[in-house]
Amino acid sequence: MTAPVRIADAETVRLLRPGDRVDVIAAGDPAAGGTARVLARGARVVRVPRATTGGADAEVPGSTGRDGSVPDGAVPVGADGALPAGTDGGALIALRVPPATAARLAGASATTRLAVTLW
């Protein structure tokens, strides 16, 4: 199953590529007594955001092609890497996980910040 997951640190997401494996960690607020816990282990990255550019940069990995297409596994965002208006920070990725893990990720993402570690 493919699960969309918003990772709190967009800069960390820029390190990811489709096909990478990650652990997803729920980072509880330490001031409120929260602790970090692993929600998913070895999840396969399916889609990640990529800055879209044109012209001379068209062949740079992660950019759009000469025909304006976006490479497989890439989701276009602003040329400066910014998220679309209306988002509350972080970056959205898609992960291939079992259904039970997808449910855990969806539940946790509604109440806590999520982070990833790259294998």
N, C-alpha and C. Protein backbone atom coordinates (compact mmCIF):
# COMPACT_ATOMS: atom_id res chain seq x y z
N MET A 1 0.85 -1.17 0.00
CA MET A 1 0.00 0.00 0.00
C MET A 1 0.90 1.23 0.00
N THR A 2 0.48 2.26 -0.68
CA THR A 2 1.22 3.52 -0.70
C THR A 2 0.56 4.51 0.25
N ALA A 3 1.36 5.06 1.16
CA ALA A 3 0.84 5.98 2.17
C ALA A 3 1.51 7.34 2.03
N PRO A 4 0.72 8.42 1.93
CA PRO A 4 1.32 9.76 1.95
C PRO A 4 1.70 10.12 3.38
N VAL A 5 2.89 10.69 3.55
CA VAL A 5 3.39 11.01 4.88
C VAL A 5 4.04 12.39 4.83
N ARG A 6 3.62 13.29 5.73
CA ARG A 6 4.25 14.61 5.80
C ARG A 6 5.38 14.56 6.81
N ILE A 7 6.60 14.79 6.33
CA ILE A 7 7.79 14.80 7.16
C ILE A 7 8.04 16.24 7.59
N ALA A 8 8.29 16.45 8.88
CA ALA A 8 8.38 17.80 9.44
C ALA A 8 9.52 18.63 8.84
N ASP A 9 10.65 18.02 8.55
CA ASP A 9 11.82 18.75 8.05
C ASP A 9 11.96 18.56 6.54
N ALA A 10 11.58 19.58 5.78
CA ALA A 10 11.63 19.50 4.32
C ALA A 10 13.06 19.32 3.82
N GLU A 11 14.04 19.85 4.53
CA GLU A 11 15.43 19.70 4.10
C GLU A 11 15.86 18.24 4.16
N THR A 12 15.40 17.50 5.14
CA THR A 12 15.70 16.07 5.22
C THR A 12 15.11 15.34 4.03
N VAL A 13 13.91 15.71 3.65
CA VAL A 13 13.23 15.06 2.52
C VAL A 13 14.02 15.27 1.23
N ARG A 14 14.69 16.38 1.10
CA ARG A 14 15.46 16.64 -0.12
C ARG A 14 16.63 15.66 -0.29
N LEU A 15 16.99 14.96 0.76
CA LEU A 15 18.05 13.95 0.68
C LEU A 15 17.53 12.62 0.11
N LEU A 16 16.21 12.46 0.09
CA LEU A 16 15.60 11.19 -0.31
C LEU A 16 15.42 11.09 -1.81
N ARG A 17 15.45 9.84 -2.29
CA ARG A 17 15.20 9.52 -3.68
C ARG A 17 14.24 8.34 -3.74
N PRO A 18 13.41 8.25 -4.78
CA PRO A 18 12.57 7.06 -4.92
C PRO A 18 13.44 5.80 -4.90
N GLY A 19 12.97 4.81 -4.16
CA GLY A 19 13.72 3.57 -4.02
C GLY A 19 14.49 3.47 -2.71
N ASP A 20 14.76 4.62 -2.06
CA ASP A 20 15.43 4.60 -0.76
C ASP A 20 14.55 3.90 0.26
N ARG A 21 15.18 3.40 1.30
CA ARG A 21 14.45 2.83 2.43
C ARG A 21 14.68 3.73 3.64
N VAL A 22 13.60 3.94 4.40
CA VAL A 22 13.67 4.83 5.57
C VAL A 22 12.93 4.21 6.75
N ASP A 23 13.31 4.65 7.93
CA ASP A 23 12.51 4.43 9.12
C ASP A 23 11.77 5.73 9.38
N VAL A 24 10.51 5.64 9.79
CA VAL A 24 9.72 6.83 10.12
C VAL A 24 9.58 6.89 11.63
N ILE A 25 9.90 8.06 12.17
CA ILE A 25 9.92 8.25 13.62
C ILE A 25 8.95 9.34 14.01
N ALA A 26 8.12 9.06 15.01
CA ALA A 26 7.23 10.07 15.58
C ALA A 26 8.01 10.76 16.68
N ALA A 27 8.19 12.05 16.53
CA ALA A 27 8.96 12.83 17.49
C ALA A 27 8.02 13.56 18.43
N GLY A 28 7.80 12.98 19.60
CA GLY A 28 6.93 13.61 20.59
C GLY A 28 7.59 14.83 21.20
N ASP A 29 6.80 15.78 21.65
CA ASP A 29 7.30 17.01 22.25
C ASP A 29 7.92 16.69 23.61
N PRO A 30 9.26 16.86 23.76
CA PRO A 30 9.91 16.55 25.03
C PRO A 30 9.37 17.38 26.20
N ALA A 31 8.94 18.61 25.93
CA ALA A 31 8.41 19.47 26.99
C ALA A 31 7.12 18.91 27.57
N ALA A 32 6.42 18.12 26.76
CA ALA A 32 5.16 17.52 27.21
C ALA A 32 5.36 16.07 27.65
N GLY A 33 6.62 15.66 27.79
CA GLY A 33 6.89 14.29 28.22
C GLY A 33 6.88 13.29 27.08
N GLY A 34 6.84 13.79 25.84
CA GLY A 34 6.80 12.89 24.69
C GLY A 34 8.16 12.28 24.39
N THR A 35 8.15 11.12 23.80
CA THR A 35 9.39 10.45 23.40
C THR A 35 9.31 10.10 21.93
N ALA A 36 10.44 9.77 21.36
CA ALA A 36 10.47 9.34 19.95
C ALA A 36 10.15 7.86 19.88
N ARG A 37 9.39 7.49 18.84
CA ARG A 37 9.10 6.07 18.62
C ARG A 37 9.08 5.78 17.13
N VAL A 38 9.55 4.61 16.77
CA VAL A 38 9.61 4.21 15.37
C VAL A 38 8.24 3.68 14.95
N LEU A 39 7.68 4.26 13.89
CA LEU A 39 6.37 3.85 13.38
C LEU A 39 6.48 2.89 12.21
N ALA A 40 7.55 3.04 11.42
CA ALA A 40 7.74 2.18 10.25
C ALA A 40 9.23 1.92 10.08
N ARG A 41 9.58 0.69 9.78
CA ARG A 41 10.98 0.32 9.55
C ARG A 41 11.15 -0.16 8.11
N GLY A 42 12.17 0.40 7.45
CA GLY A 42 12.47 -0.05 6.09
C GLY A 42 11.43 0.27 5.06
N ALA A 43 10.67 1.33 5.25
CA ALA A 43 9.64 1.71 4.27
C ALA A 43 10.31 2.18 2.98
N ARG A 44 9.78 1.74 1.85
CA ARG A 44 10.35 2.12 0.55
C ARG A 44 9.76 3.46 0.12
N VAL A 45 10.64 4.42 -0.22
CA VAL A 45 10.21 5.73 -0.72
C VAL A 45 9.71 5.56 -2.15
N VAL A 46 8.48 6.01 -2.41
CA VAL A 46 7.88 5.89 -3.73
C VAL A 46 7.90 7.23 -4.46
N ARG A 47 7.56 8.31 -3.76
CA ARG A 47 7.52 9.64 -4.37
C ARG A 47 8.08 10.67 -3.40
N VAL A 48 8.81 11.64 -3.96
CA VAL A 48 9.35 12.74 -3.18
C VAL A 48 9.16 14.04 -3.96
N PRO A 49 9.08 15.17 -3.27
CA PRO A 49 8.96 16.44 -4.00
C PRO A 49 10.30 16.80 -4.65
N ARG A 50 10.23 17.44 -5.80
CA ARG A 50 11.43 17.92 -6.50
C ARG A 50 11.15 19.32 -7.01
N ALA A 51 12.15 20.18 -6.92
CA ALA A 51 12.02 21.52 -7.50
C ALA A 51 11.93 21.39 -9.01
N THR A 52 11.07 22.17 -9.62
CA THR A 52 10.95 22.13 -11.07
C THR A 52 11.60 23.38 -11.64
N THR A 53 12.40 23.19 -12.65
CA THR A 53 13.06 24.31 -13.33
C THR A 53 12.93 24.08 -14.82
N GLY A 54 13.32 25.03 -15.58
CA GLY A 54 13.27 24.87 -17.03
C GLY A 54 14.57 25.35 -17.64
N GLY A 55 14.60 25.46 -18.93
CA GLY A 55 15.76 26.00 -19.62
C GLY A 55 17.00 25.16 -19.41
N ALA A 56 18.12 25.84 -19.08
CA ALA A 56 19.42 25.18 -18.99
C ALA A 56 19.48 24.09 -17.94
N ASP A 57 18.63 24.15 -16.94
CA ASP A 57 18.66 23.16 -15.88
C ASP A 57 17.75 21.97 -16.17
N ALA A 58 17.19 21.88 -17.34
CA ALA A 58 16.17 20.87 -17.63
C ALA A 58 16.66 19.45 -17.47
N GLU A 59 17.97 19.20 -17.59
CA GLU A 59 18.45 17.84 -17.48
C GLU A 59 19.05 17.53 -16.12
N VAL A 60 18.99 18.44 -15.21
CA VAL A 60 19.47 18.18 -13.86
C VAL A 60 18.54 17.18 -13.20
N PRO A 61 19.08 16.11 -12.57
CA PRO A 61 18.20 15.13 -11.92
C PRO A 61 17.21 15.81 -10.98
N GLY A 62 15.96 15.41 -11.07
CA GLY A 62 14.93 15.98 -10.21
C GLY A 62 14.24 17.18 -10.81
N SER A 63 14.68 17.65 -11.98
CA SER A 63 14.01 18.78 -12.61
C SER A 63 13.06 18.26 -13.69
N THR A 64 12.34 19.18 -14.30
CA THR A 64 11.44 18.75 -15.37
C THR A 64 12.23 18.47 -16.62
N GLY A 65 11.68 17.63 -17.49
CA GLY A 65 12.32 17.35 -18.76
C GLY A 65 12.09 18.48 -19.73
N ARG A 66 12.71 18.38 -20.90
CA ARG A 66 12.56 19.43 -21.92
C ARG A 66 11.11 19.61 -22.34
N ASP A 67 10.32 18.55 -22.23
CA ASP A 67 8.92 18.65 -22.61
C ASP A 67 8.02 19.09 -21.45
N GLY A 68 8.64 19.45 -20.31
CA GLY A 68 7.88 19.91 -19.16
C GLY A 68 7.41 18.79 -18.27
N SER A 69 7.75 17.54 -18.62
CA SER A 69 7.32 16.41 -17.81
C SER A 69 8.16 16.32 -16.53
N VAL A 70 7.62 15.63 -15.56
CA VAL A 70 8.31 15.42 -14.30
C VAL A 70 8.74 13.97 -14.25
N PRO A 71 10.01 13.67 -13.90
CA PRO A 71 10.48 12.29 -13.88
C PRO A 71 9.64 11.42 -12.95
N ASP A 72 9.63 10.10 -13.23
CA ASP A 72 8.92 9.16 -12.36
C ASP A 72 9.39 9.32 -10.93
N GLY A 73 8.45 9.28 -10.00
CA GLY A 73 8.78 9.37 -8.59
C GLY A 73 9.00 10.78 -8.09
N ALA A 74 8.83 11.79 -8.94
CA ALA A 74 9.03 13.17 -8.52
C ALA A 74 7.70 13.91 -8.52
N VAL A 75 7.53 14.76 -7.54
CA VAL A 75 6.32 15.58 -7.43
C VAL A 75 6.75 17.02 -7.57
N PRO A 76 6.23 17.77 -8.56
CA PRO A 76 6.70 19.14 -8.73
C PRO A 76 6.29 20.05 -7.58
N VAL A 77 7.25 20.88 -7.18
CA VAL A 77 6.99 21.94 -6.21
C VAL A 77 7.58 23.21 -6.81
N GLY A 78 7.56 24.29 -6.09
CA GLY A 78 8.07 25.55 -6.63
C GLY A 78 9.54 25.47 -7.01
N ALA A 79 9.98 26.36 -7.90
CA ALA A 79 11.36 26.36 -8.37
C ALA A 79 12.34 26.56 -7.22
N ASP A 80 11.91 27.22 -6.16
CA ASP A 80 12.79 27.42 -5.01
C ASP A 80 12.67 26.28 -4.00
N GLY A 81 11.92 25.23 -4.35
CA GLY A 81 11.75 24.10 -3.45
C GLY A 81 10.64 24.29 -2.44
N ALA A 82 9.94 25.42 -2.53
CA ALA A 82 8.88 25.71 -1.56
C ALA A 82 7.67 24.82 -1.78
N LEU A 83 6.97 24.57 -0.69
CA LEU A 83 5.74 23.81 -0.77
C LEU A 83 4.62 24.69 -1.31
N PRO A 84 3.60 24.09 -1.88
CA PRO A 84 2.46 24.87 -2.37
C PRO A 84 1.79 25.63 -1.22
N ALA A 85 1.13 26.72 -1.56
CA ALA A 85 0.41 27.51 -0.56
C ALA A 85 -0.62 26.63 0.15
N GLY A 86 -0.82 26.91 1.44
CA GLY A 86 -1.81 26.17 2.18
C GLY A 86 -1.25 24.99 2.95
N THR A 87 0.04 24.70 2.81
CA THR A 87 0.62 23.62 3.58
C THR A 87 1.17 24.18 4.88
N ASP A 88 1.31 23.34 5.87
CA ASP A 88 1.75 23.82 7.18
C ASP A 88 3.20 23.46 7.46
N GLY A 89 4.02 23.38 6.44
CA GLY A 89 5.43 23.10 6.62
C GLY A 89 5.75 21.65 6.33
N GLY A 90 7.02 21.35 6.36
CA GLY A 90 7.46 20.00 6.08
C GLY A 90 7.34 19.69 4.61
N ALA A 91 7.38 18.41 4.28
CA ALA A 91 7.28 17.98 2.89
C ALA A 91 6.56 16.64 2.84
N LEU A 92 5.75 16.48 1.82
CA LEU A 92 4.96 15.27 1.65
C LEU A 92 5.71 14.26 0.80
N ILE A 93 5.82 13.03 1.30
CA ILE A 93 6.41 11.94 0.55
C ILE A 93 5.40 10.80 0.52
N ALA A 94 5.64 9.84 -0.36
CA ALA A 94 4.80 8.64 -0.40
C ALA A 94 5.69 7.44 -0.12
N LEU A 95 5.21 6.57 0.76
CA LEU A 95 5.97 5.39 1.17
C LEU A 95 5.17 4.13 0.89
N ARG A 96 5.84 3.07 0.49
CA ARG A 96 5.22 1.76 0.32
C ARG A 96 5.37 1.02 1.63
N VAL A 97 4.22 0.74 2.28
CA VAL A 97 4.19 0.09 3.59
C VAL A 97 3.01 -0.88 3.66
N PRO A 98 3.04 -1.81 4.61
CA PRO A 98 1.87 -2.67 4.82
C PRO A 98 0.67 -1.84 5.30
N PRO A 99 -0.55 -2.33 5.09
CA PRO A 99 -1.75 -1.58 5.49
C PRO A 99 -1.76 -1.17 6.98
N ALA A 100 -1.34 -2.04 7.87
CA ALA A 100 -1.35 -1.70 9.30
C ALA A 100 -0.39 -0.55 9.58
N THR A 101 0.74 -0.53 8.91
CA THR A 101 1.71 0.56 9.09
C THR A 101 1.16 1.85 8.52
N ALA A 102 0.47 1.77 7.39
CA ALA A 102 -0.14 2.97 6.79
C ALA A 102 -1.14 3.59 7.76
N ALA A 103 -1.91 2.77 8.44
CA ALA A 103 -2.87 3.28 9.43
C ALA A 103 -2.15 3.96 10.59
N ARG A 104 -1.05 3.36 11.06
CA ARG A 104 -0.26 3.96 12.15
C ARG A 104 0.30 5.31 11.74
N LEU A 105 0.82 5.36 10.51
CA LEU A 105 1.40 6.62 10.01
C LEU A 105 0.34 7.71 9.90
N ALA A 106 -0.83 7.36 9.37
CA ALA A 106 -1.91 8.34 9.23
C ALA A 106 -2.36 8.86 10.59
N GLY A 107 -2.50 7.97 11.55
CA GLY A 107 -2.91 8.40 12.88
C GLY A 107 -1.89 9.29 13.56
N ALA A 108 -0.63 8.91 13.46
CA ALA A 108 0.43 9.69 14.12
C ALA A 108 0.62 11.04 13.45
N SER A 109 0.49 11.10 12.12
CA SER A 109 0.74 12.36 11.43
C SER A 109 -0.29 13.43 11.80
N ALA A 110 -1.43 13.01 12.31
CA ALA A 110 -2.46 13.96 12.72
C ALA A 110 -2.14 14.61 14.06
N THR A 111 -1.25 14.01 14.84
CA THR A 111 -1.00 14.52 16.19
C THR A 111 0.44 14.82 16.53
N THR A 112 1.38 14.40 15.71
CA THR A 112 2.80 14.60 16.04
C THR A 112 3.63 14.85 14.79
N ARG A 113 4.84 15.38 14.99
CA ARG A 113 5.76 15.61 13.89
C ARG A 113 6.48 14.32 13.55
N LEU A 114 6.64 14.07 12.25
CA LEU A 114 7.30 12.84 11.81
C LEU A 114 8.66 13.17 11.21
N ALA A 115 9.61 12.27 11.42
CA ALA A 115 10.96 12.40 10.88
C ALA A 115 11.33 11.08 10.22
N VAL A 116 12.37 11.09 9.39
CA VAL A 116 12.86 9.86 8.77
C VAL A 116 14.35 9.71 9.01
N THR A 117 14.79 8.47 9.03
CA THR A 117 16.20 8.15 8.99
C THR A 117 16.43 7.30 7.76
N LEU A 118 17.47 7.59 7.03
CA LEU A 118 17.77 6.90 5.78
C LEU A 118 18.61 5.69 6.06
N TRP A 119 18.27 4.54 5.44
CA TRP A 119 19.06 3.32 5.59
C TRP A 119 20.31 3.44 4.79
